[in-house]
Amino acid sequence: MTALPVIRPALDGDSEPLAALIAASFSEYPNCHFIWDEFPELRSPASSFSATGGRLWVADAPGGGIAASLGATPVPAQNAIEITKVYADPAFRGSGLAQALFAEALGFARAGGFAEMMLWSDTRFARGHRFYEKLGFRRWPGERYLADASETWEYHFRLPLGPAS
């Protein structure tokens, strides 16, 4: 088995390769468009996550670019961590890389004493939903509409965090 790429904290210099990963992921779905103006945090991804007390991790792809990403941002009013920017290059899906990124976020959430993790996911991303459910997330009732260029509707997922075992 091939070793997984090393996971590291994102840098502001990861802006373009991170945007390329997300744009490529969006292109797999009908009417799902990557528009820079809808992702201002990607201009300086590390600084944007740090400014909210969050973290963003990436894994470098062999030969350049980013193989996968995952971000975690505190939502103090809900005593939760919100997971965002969960993307993986198709060559790394099913490899364990996304689980390794999730483990970083889980450690971050537990170290911060948060009671829960949550996320919103485009209703079109069924493969991602199966991944979240495999991690223990449960879909909550209701959807939200983003009124973006892709006319995105999202499902809400939550994962209560028990004591670390």
Protein backbone atom coordinates (compact mmCIF):
# COMPACT_ATOMS: atom_id res chain seq x y z
CA MET A 1 0.00 0.00 0.00
CA THR A 2 1.22 3.47 -0.86
CA ALA A 3 1.87 5.80 2.06
CA LEU A 4 -0.58 8.64 2.49
CA PRO A 5 0.61 12.18 1.82
CA VAL A 6 1.77 14.05 4.89
CA ILE A 7 -0.90 16.22 6.50
CA ARG A 8 0.19 19.70 7.46
CA PRO A 9 -1.36 23.02 8.51
CA ALA A 10 -2.41 25.07 5.51
CA LEU A 11 -0.44 28.16 4.55
CA ASP A 12 -1.71 31.33 2.93
CA GLY A 13 0.41 30.29 -0.07
CA ASP A 14 -1.91 27.28 -0.55
CA SER A 15 -4.60 29.59 -1.91
CA GLU A 16 -4.35 28.66 -5.62
CA PRO A 17 -3.84 24.88 -5.23
CA LEU A 18 -6.64 24.70 -2.66
CA ALA A 19 -8.97 26.59 -5.01
CA ALA A 20 -7.97 24.21 -7.83
CA LEU A 21 -8.87 21.18 -5.68
CA ILE A 22 -12.27 22.66 -4.81
CA ALA A 23 -12.99 23.72 -8.39
CA ALA A 24 -12.14 20.23 -9.65
CA SER A 25 -14.43 18.70 -7.03
CA PHE A 26 -17.28 21.03 -7.99
CA SER A 27 -16.83 20.18 -11.68
CA GLU A 28 -17.92 16.60 -10.93
CA TYR A 29 -21.49 17.80 -10.32
CA PRO A 30 -24.03 19.47 -12.59
CA ASN A 31 -24.54 23.21 -12.05
CA CYS A 32 -21.86 23.30 -9.34
CA HIS A 33 -19.58 26.25 -10.04
CA PHE A 34 -16.46 27.52 -8.32
CA ILE A 35 -16.57 31.33 -8.20
CA TRP A 36 -13.65 33.02 -6.43
CA ASP A 37 -15.85 35.81 -5.03
CA GLU A 38 -17.92 33.23 -3.14
CA PHE A 39 -14.80 31.97 -1.32
CA PRO A 40 -12.96 35.08 -0.03
CA GLU A 41 -11.38 33.00 2.76
CA LEU A 42 -9.37 31.13 0.13
CA ARG A 43 -7.32 34.25 -0.72
CA SER A 44 -5.48 33.73 2.60
CA PRO A 45 -6.70 30.37 3.88
CA ALA A 46 -4.41 29.96 6.90
CA SER A 47 -4.97 33.52 8.11
CA SER A 48 -8.73 33.26 7.56
CA PHE A 49 -9.05 30.11 9.66
CA SER A 50 -6.65 31.39 12.32
CA ALA A 51 -8.63 34.65 12.66
CA THR A 52 -11.67 32.63 13.79
CA GLY A 53 -9.69 30.38 16.11
CA GLY A 54 -9.91 27.58 13.57
CA ARG A 55 -7.48 25.35 11.72
CA LEU A 56 -7.17 24.19 8.13
CA TRP A 57 -5.17 21.12 7.19
CA VAL A 58 -4.03 20.01 3.76
CA ALA A 59 -2.16 17.07 2.31
CA ASP A 60 0.25 17.75 -0.53
CA ALA A 61 -0.29 15.69 -3.67
CA PRO A 62 2.73 13.90 -5.11
CA GLY A 63 3.98 16.02 -7.98
CA GLY A 64 2.37 19.22 -6.68
CA GLY A 65 -1.01 20.56 -5.76
CA ILE A 66 -3.16 19.56 -2.83
CA ALA A 67 -4.52 16.03 -2.48
CA ALA A 68 -7.07 16.82 0.24
CA SER A 69 -8.19 19.42 2.75
CA LEU A 70 -10.31 19.80 5.88
CA GLY A 71 -11.00 22.82 8.06
CA ALA A 72 -12.38 23.18 11.58
CA THR A 73 -13.82 26.39 13.03
CA PRO A 74 -15.13 26.90 16.57
CA VAL A 75 -18.79 27.86 16.96
CA PRO A 76 -18.73 28.83 20.66
CA ALA A 77 -22.46 29.60 20.89
CA GLN A 78 -23.14 25.94 20.09
CA ASN A 79 -20.08 24.52 21.92
CA ALA A 80 -19.23 22.95 18.57
CA ILE A 81 -16.62 22.77 15.85
CA GLU A 82 -17.85 23.30 12.31
CA ILE A 83 -16.12 21.18 9.68
CA THR A 84 -15.59 22.83 6.28
CA LYS A 85 -13.44 22.56 3.15
CA VAL A 86 -13.64 18.75 3.08
CA TYR A 87 -12.30 17.87 -0.37
CA ALA A 88 -10.18 15.05 -1.74
CA ASP A 89 -8.69 14.48 -5.15
CA PRO A 90 -10.37 11.40 -6.70
CA ALA A 91 -7.03 9.55 -6.66
CA PHE A 92 -7.08 9.69 -2.83
CA ARG A 93 -10.73 8.92 -2.14
CA GLY A 94 -11.09 5.71 -0.17
CA SER A 95 -7.39 5.78 0.77
CA GLY A 96 -7.84 6.76 4.41
CA LEU A 97 -6.56 10.30 3.82
CA ALA A 98 -9.90 11.96 4.60
CA GLN A 99 -10.17 9.93 7.82
CA ALA A 100 -6.68 11.07 8.78
CA LEU A 101 -7.68 14.70 8.16
CA PHE A 102 -10.84 14.18 10.21
CA ALA A 103 -8.70 12.78 13.05
CA GLU A 104 -6.82 16.11 13.12
CA ALA A 105 -10.12 17.99 13.45
CA LEU A 106 -11.40 15.58 16.09
CA GLY A 107 -8.24 16.09 18.15
CA PHE A 108 -8.64 19.86 17.77
CA ALA A 109 -12.29 19.67 18.91
CA ARG A 110 -11.48 17.49 21.91
CA ALA A 111 -8.50 19.64 22.92
CA GLY A 112 -10.82 22.65 22.88
CA GLY A 113 -13.40 20.88 25.04
CA PHE A 114 -16.14 21.12 22.41
CA ALA A 115 -19.20 18.91 22.83
CA GLU A 116 -20.05 18.45 19.18
CA MET A 117 -18.91 18.65 15.57
CA MET A 118 -21.19 19.82 12.79
CA LEU A 119 -21.11 20.53 9.09
CA TRP A 120 -23.22 21.56 6.13
CA SER A 121 -22.90 19.67 2.85
CA ASP A 122 -24.26 20.33 -0.63
CA THR A 123 -27.22 18.03 -1.26
CA ARG A 124 -25.49 16.82 -4.45
CA PHE A 125 -22.46 15.43 -2.58
CA ALA A 126 -23.92 11.99 -1.77
CA ARG A 127 -20.51 10.31 -1.55
CA GLY A 128 -19.47 12.85 1.06
CA HIS A 129 -22.66 12.22 3.01
CA ARG A 130 -21.84 8.52 3.19
CA PHE A 131 -18.35 9.40 4.44
CA TYR A 132 -19.76 11.66 7.18
CA GLU A 133 -22.22 9.00 8.25
CA LYS A 134 -19.40 6.44 8.37
CA LEU A 135 -17.65 8.80 10.81
CA GLY A 136 -20.76 8.85 13.00
CA PHE A 137 -22.40 12.09 11.84
CA ARG A 138 -26.19 12.10 11.64
CA ARG A 139 -28.19 14.21 9.24
CA TRP A 140 -30.47 16.68 10.99
CA PRO A 141 -33.87 17.68 9.64
CA GLY A 142 -34.07 20.64 7.31
CA GLU A 143 -31.96 22.16 4.58
CA ARG A 144 -30.56 25.60 3.89
CA TYR A 145 -30.32 27.51 0.61
CA LEU A 146 -27.18 29.55 -0.08
CA ALA A 147 -28.40 31.68 -3.04
CA ASP A 148 -24.99 31.27 -4.68
CA ALA A 149 -24.04 30.78 -8.34
CA SER A 150 -24.63 27.03 -7.99
CA GLU A 151 -28.05 27.46 -6.37
CA THR A 152 -26.80 25.29 -3.52
CA TRP A 153 -29.02 23.52 -1.02
CA GLU A 154 -27.25 21.96 1.94
CA TYR A 155 -27.95 19.24 4.48
CA HIS A 156 -26.92 19.67 8.12
CA PHE A 157 -24.94 16.94 9.91
CA ARG A 158 -23.96 16.72 13.58
CA LEU A 159 -21.75 14.45 15.67
CA PRO A 160 -21.88 14.54 19.50
CA LEU A 161 -18.46 14.08 21.05
CA GLY A 162 -18.34 11.82 24.03
CA PRO A 163 -15.29 11.61 26.26
CA ALA A 164 -12.12 10.61 24.44
CA SER A 165 -11.50 6.88 24.80
